[in-house]
Each structure stands twice: as C-alpha cells, then as structure tokens.
Amino acid sequence: MANIFVLNIEKEKSCLTLFEGEKVIASRAWAERRDMGEQLFVAIDEILRERGLSAEMVTDFRIETEVSDAFTSVKIAQTVAKTFLFAIKA
C-alpha cells in the first residue's frame, strides 16, 4: 500500500499527515512561526521513526493550501517536498 505525505498549510498553522492508502496513520501539526523548514523536517523525521518507515517507503508528497503560493512557508514546503521526492528516487 502506498504511503503518502500530505502537508496542509493554513495562515496560522500547518499539519503534515501520512496516509497509507486512504487511512491516516500519523500526523503532526504546528503553529505558523516563520520556521517551516525546521518544523517540516522535524515532523517528517518523527513520523517516519514513529511508524518504523524509511523515506523510500513514501511514494508521494503533496501540498494542499488555501494561502497564496507567494506565502514564504508554501515556497519552503514546495522546495522540501521536491527535494524529498528527488532524494528517494535517486
């Protein structure tokens, strides 16, 4: 079954969720404090460790947001997601 990260970014908070198929198997949420990079890396690491998964076991990383793509946290999240997917395919 596919494991997929979905990051939901709102103006005041963000939440990273790991799905196994349609089932939520882990999530981490944090308040927006202009530290998306740090918070996102910590959340990825915690979720993977908690579930006993390697990064290669995640097949996709999606970002859902209602804020503008110009929002700095969205740009950082997009970069992290693209880098994560590139690294697991390399």
Protein backbone atom coordinates (compact mmCIF):
# COMPACT_ATOMS: atom_id res chain seq x y z
CA MET A 1 0.00 0.00 0.00
CA ALA A 2 1.27 3.49 -0.88
CA ASN A 3 2.44 5.84 1.87
CA ILE A 4 1.84 9.49 1.01
CA PHE A 5 2.70 12.67 2.90
CA VAL A 6 0.13 15.47 2.65
CA LEU A 7 1.05 18.86 4.06
CA ASN A 8 -1.83 21.24 4.70
CA ILE A 9 -0.73 24.85 5.08
CA GLU A 10 -3.02 27.48 6.53
CA LYS A 11 -2.24 31.05 7.50
CA GLU A 12 -1.99 30.24 11.22
CA LYS A 13 -0.97 26.56 11.27
CA SER A 14 0.33 23.62 9.26
CA CYS A 15 -0.24 19.89 9.50
CA LEU A 16 1.76 17.05 7.97
CA THR A 17 -0.22 13.83 7.61
CA LEU A 18 0.96 10.41 6.49
CA PHE A 19 -1.60 8.34 4.66
CA GLU A 20 -1.43 4.64 3.97
CA GLY A 21 -3.82 4.45 1.06
CA GLU A 22 -6.87 6.35 2.30
CA LYS A 23 -6.11 5.78 6.01
CA VAL A 24 -4.39 8.41 8.18
CA ILE A 25 -1.61 6.66 10.07
CA ALA A 26 0.24 9.64 11.61
CA SER A 27 0.23 13.42 11.72
CA ARG A 28 2.00 16.40 13.24
CA ALA A 29 0.69 19.97 13.47
CA TRP A 30 2.37 23.22 14.40
CA ALA A 31 1.61 26.93 14.59
CA GLU A 32 2.96 29.23 11.88
CA ARG A 33 6.06 30.88 13.32
CA ARG A 34 8.19 31.51 10.23
CA ASP A 35 10.11 28.26 10.77
CA MET A 36 8.50 25.97 8.18
CA GLY A 37 11.77 24.34 7.16
CA GLU A 38 12.71 23.29 10.68
CA GLN A 39 9.19 22.24 11.68
CA LEU A 40 8.64 20.26 8.50
CA PHE A 41 11.94 18.35 8.74
CA VAL A 42 11.25 17.51 12.39
CA ALA A 43 7.71 16.34 11.55
CA ILE A 44 8.93 14.15 8.67
CA ASP A 45 11.59 12.56 10.87
CA GLU A 46 9.22 11.98 13.81
CA ILE A 47 6.52 10.42 11.66
CA LEU A 48 8.91 8.10 9.83
CA ARG A 49 10.54 6.98 13.09
CA GLU A 50 7.18 6.51 14.83
CA ARG A 51 5.89 4.31 12.03
CA GLY A 52 9.17 2.46 11.50
CA LEU A 53 9.39 3.57 7.88
CA SER A 54 12.28 4.63 5.70
CA ALA A 55 11.92 7.66 3.44
CA GLU A 56 11.94 5.36 0.41
CA MET A 57 8.66 3.84 1.61
CA VAL A 58 6.88 7.16 0.95
CA THR A 59 5.73 7.38 -2.67
CA ASP A 60 4.43 10.95 -2.88
CA PHE A 61 4.49 14.29 -1.04
CA ARG A 62 1.55 16.60 -1.69
CA ILE A 63 0.93 20.13 -0.54
CA GLU A 64 -2.56 21.49 -0.01
CA THR A 65 -3.03 25.14 0.85
CA GLU A 66 -5.59 27.89 0.77
CA VAL A 67 -2.96 30.62 1.14
CA SER A 68 -1.10 32.20 -1.76
CA ASP A 69 1.83 30.38 -3.38
CA ALA A 70 3.75 33.59 -2.63
CA PHE A 71 3.50 32.79 1.10
CA THR A 72 7.08 32.02 2.20
CA SER A 73 6.07 28.87 4.08
CA VAL A 74 4.48 27.49 0.90
CA LYS A 75 7.67 28.13 -1.09
CA ILE A 76 9.77 26.43 1.58
CA ALA A 77 7.37 23.48 1.76
CA GLN A 78 7.41 23.09 -2.03
CA THR A 79 11.20 23.01 -2.00
CA VAL A 80 11.29 20.43 0.81
CA ALA A 81 8.69 18.24 -0.94
CA LYS A 82 10.51 18.35 -4.29
CA THR A 83 13.85 17.61 -2.63
CA PHE A 84 12.36 14.75 -0.61
CA LEU A 85 10.87 13.15 -3.72
CA PHE A 86 14.08 13.64 -5.69
CA ALA A 87 16.17 12.07 -2.91
CA ILE A 88 14.01 8.96 -2.57
CA LYS A 89 14.07 8.35 -6.31
CA ALA A 90 17.86 8.77 -6.59
